[in-house]
Every structure is written in C-alpha cells, then in structure tokens.
C-alpha atoms as a PDB file:
ATOM      1  CA  UNK A   1      -6.279  10.651  -2.039  1.00  0.00           C
ATOM      2  CA  UNK A   2      -6.136   7.168  -3.488  1.00  0.00           C
ATOM      3  CA  UNK A   3      -3.512   4.738  -3.041  1.00  0.00           C
ATOM      4  CA  UNK A   4      -2.598   2.815  -6.444  1.00  0.00           C
ATOM      5  CA  UNK A   5       0.148   0.428  -7.161  1.00  0.00           C
ATOM      6  CA  UNK A   6       2.288  -1.114  -9.779  1.00  0.00           C
ATOM      7  CA  UNK A   7       1.849  -4.818  -9.485  1.00  0.00           C
ATOM      8  CA  UNK A   8       5.145  -5.683 -11.636  1.00  0.00           C
ATOM      9  CA  UNK A   9       7.531  -4.120  -9.206  1.00  0.00           C
ATOM     10  CA  UNK A  10       5.971  -5.811  -5.706  1.00  0.00           C
ATOM     11  CA  UNK A  11       8.256  -8.208  -4.511  1.00  0.00           C
ATOM     12  CA  UNK A  12       6.019  -9.046  -1.529  1.00  0.00           C
ATOM     13  CA  UNK A  13       8.300  -7.735   1.173  1.00  0.00           C
ATOM     14  CA  UNK A  14       5.132  -7.124   3.406  1.00  0.00           C
ATOM     15  CA  UNK A  15       6.197  -3.885   4.766  1.00  0.00           C
ATOM     16  CA  UNK A  16       2.854  -1.810   3.451  1.00  0.00           C
ATOM     17  CA  UNK A  17       0.890  -4.587   5.264  1.00  0.00           C
ATOM     18  CA  UNK A  18       2.737  -4.336   8.580  1.00  0.00           C
ATOM     19  CA  UNK A  19       2.752  -0.459   8.614  1.00  0.00           C
ATOM     20  CA  UNK A  20      -1.116  -0.482   7.813  1.00  0.00           C
ATOM     21  CA  UNK A  21      -3.067  -3.419   7.938  1.00  0.00           C
ATOM     22  CA  UNK A  22      -6.418  -1.758   7.400  1.00  0.00           C
ATOM     23  CA  UNK A  23      -4.973  -0.382   4.273  1.00  0.00           C
ATOM     24  CA  UNK A  24      -3.113  -3.361   2.842  1.00  0.00           C
ATOM     25  CA  UNK A  25      -3.240  -7.278   2.517  1.00  0.00           C
ATOM     26  CA  UNK A  26      -0.850  -9.498   0.548  1.00  0.00           C
ATOM     27  CA  UNK A  27      -2.019 -11.943  -1.957  1.00  0.00           C
ATOM     28  CA  UNK A  28      -2.292 -15.615  -1.247  1.00  0.00           C
ATOM     29  CA  UNK A  29      -0.787 -16.319  -4.605  1.00  0.00           C
ATOM     30  CA  UNK A  30       2.040 -14.414  -4.703  1.00  0.00           C
ATOM     31  CA  UNK A  31       2.368 -12.336  -1.510  1.00  0.00           C
ATOM     32  CA  UNK A  32       2.296  -9.052  -3.625  1.00  0.00           C
ATOM     33  CA  UNK A  33       0.120  -6.242  -2.293  1.00  0.00           C
ATOM     34  CA  UNK A  34      -3.305  -6.101  -2.357  1.00  0.00           C
ATOM     35  CA  UNK A  35      -5.026  -2.464  -1.612  1.00  0.00           C
ATOM     36  CA  UNK A  36      -7.948  -2.755   0.852  1.00  0.00           C
ATOM     37  CA  UNK A  37      -9.030   0.992   0.906  1.00  0.00           C
ATOM     38  CA  UNK A  38      -8.478   3.255  -2.123  1.00  0.00           C
ATOM     39  CA  UNK A  39      -9.832   6.510  -1.007  1.00  0.00           C
ATOM     40  CA  UNK A  40      -8.245   8.110   2.120  1.00  0.00           C
ATOM     41  CA  UNK A  41      -8.496  11.199   4.453  1.00  0.00           C
ATOM     42  CA  UNK A  42      -7.527  12.185   7.736  1.00  0.00           C
ATOM     43  CA  UNK A  43      -5.666   9.667   9.717  1.00  0.00           C
ATOM     44  CA  UNK A  44      -6.134   6.961   7.180  1.00  0.00           C
ATOM     45  CA  UNK A  45      -4.058   8.970   4.386  1.00  0.00           C
ATOM     46  CA  UNK A  46      -1.381   9.505   7.221  1.00  0.00           C
ATOM     47  CA  UNK A  47      -0.879   5.671   7.820  1.00  0.00           C
ATOM     48  CA  UNK A  48      -0.982   5.065   4.221  1.00  0.00           C
ATOM     49  CA  UNK A  49       1.992   7.899   3.463  1.00  0.00           C
ATOM     50  CA  UNK A  50       3.852   6.080   6.240  1.00  0.00           C
ATOM     51  CA  UNK A  51       3.655   2.618   4.445  1.00  0.00           C
ATOM     52  CA  UNK A  52       4.266   3.938   0.853  1.00  0.00           C
ATOM     53  CA  UNK A  53       7.302   5.511   2.369  1.00  0.00           C
ATOM     54  CA  UNK A  54       8.473   2.389   3.892  1.00  0.00           C
ATOM     55  CA  UNK A  55       8.188   0.193   0.764  1.00  0.00           C
ATOM     56  CA  UNK A  56      11.737  -0.865  -0.622  1.00  0.00           C
ATOM     57  CA  UNK A  57      10.427  -0.853  -4.497  1.00  0.00           C
ATOM     58  CA  UNK A  58       8.232   2.221  -3.987  1.00  0.00           C
ATOM     59  CA  UNK A  59       5.149   0.046  -5.535  1.00  0.00           C
ATOM     60  CA  UNK A  60       2.563   1.784  -4.052  1.00  0.00           C
ATOM     61  CA  UNK A  61       1.973   5.562  -4.224  1.00  0.00           C
ATOM     62  CA  UNK A  62      -0.785   8.324  -3.507  1.00  0.00           C
ATOM     63  CA  UNK A  63      -2.386  10.058  -5.988  1.00  0.00           C
ATOM     64  CA  UNK A  64      -5.449  12.480  -6.408  1.00  0.00           C
ATOM     65  CA  UNK A  65      -8.694  10.879  -7.339  1.00  0.00           C
END
C-alpha cells in the first residue's frame, strides 16, 4: 500500500502527524501534510490507516502501489 495525498484539501490540522510522526510531517511553509514514507506494510500500514481515518478533510488516503 501507498500513502497518497490531495494537497489542495489539506487544512494543516496536524492529526496525521500526531497519529504517525514516522509517516507524516507538516510543511514549514504552510503546515500542509508531507508524506515521509510512501510504501507501507505491517505495523506501519496500521498506523497509516489510523492517521488517514483521523484526518478531518480526508486529504491523505491509501492506495495500491
């Protein structure tokens, strides 16, 4: 699985970063999401799912590679 994002819908809430700081960061410029690890499996995939589900705008999502 991969993490993908729609940067135009990100409001910089930071929930993804708080849920999975090893997978997400926030841009210093505008606080929008920055993906740190695109390819996921195992425990990292579960953390990504939790972070994606917690996003208020559903900016990030998981997809097949």
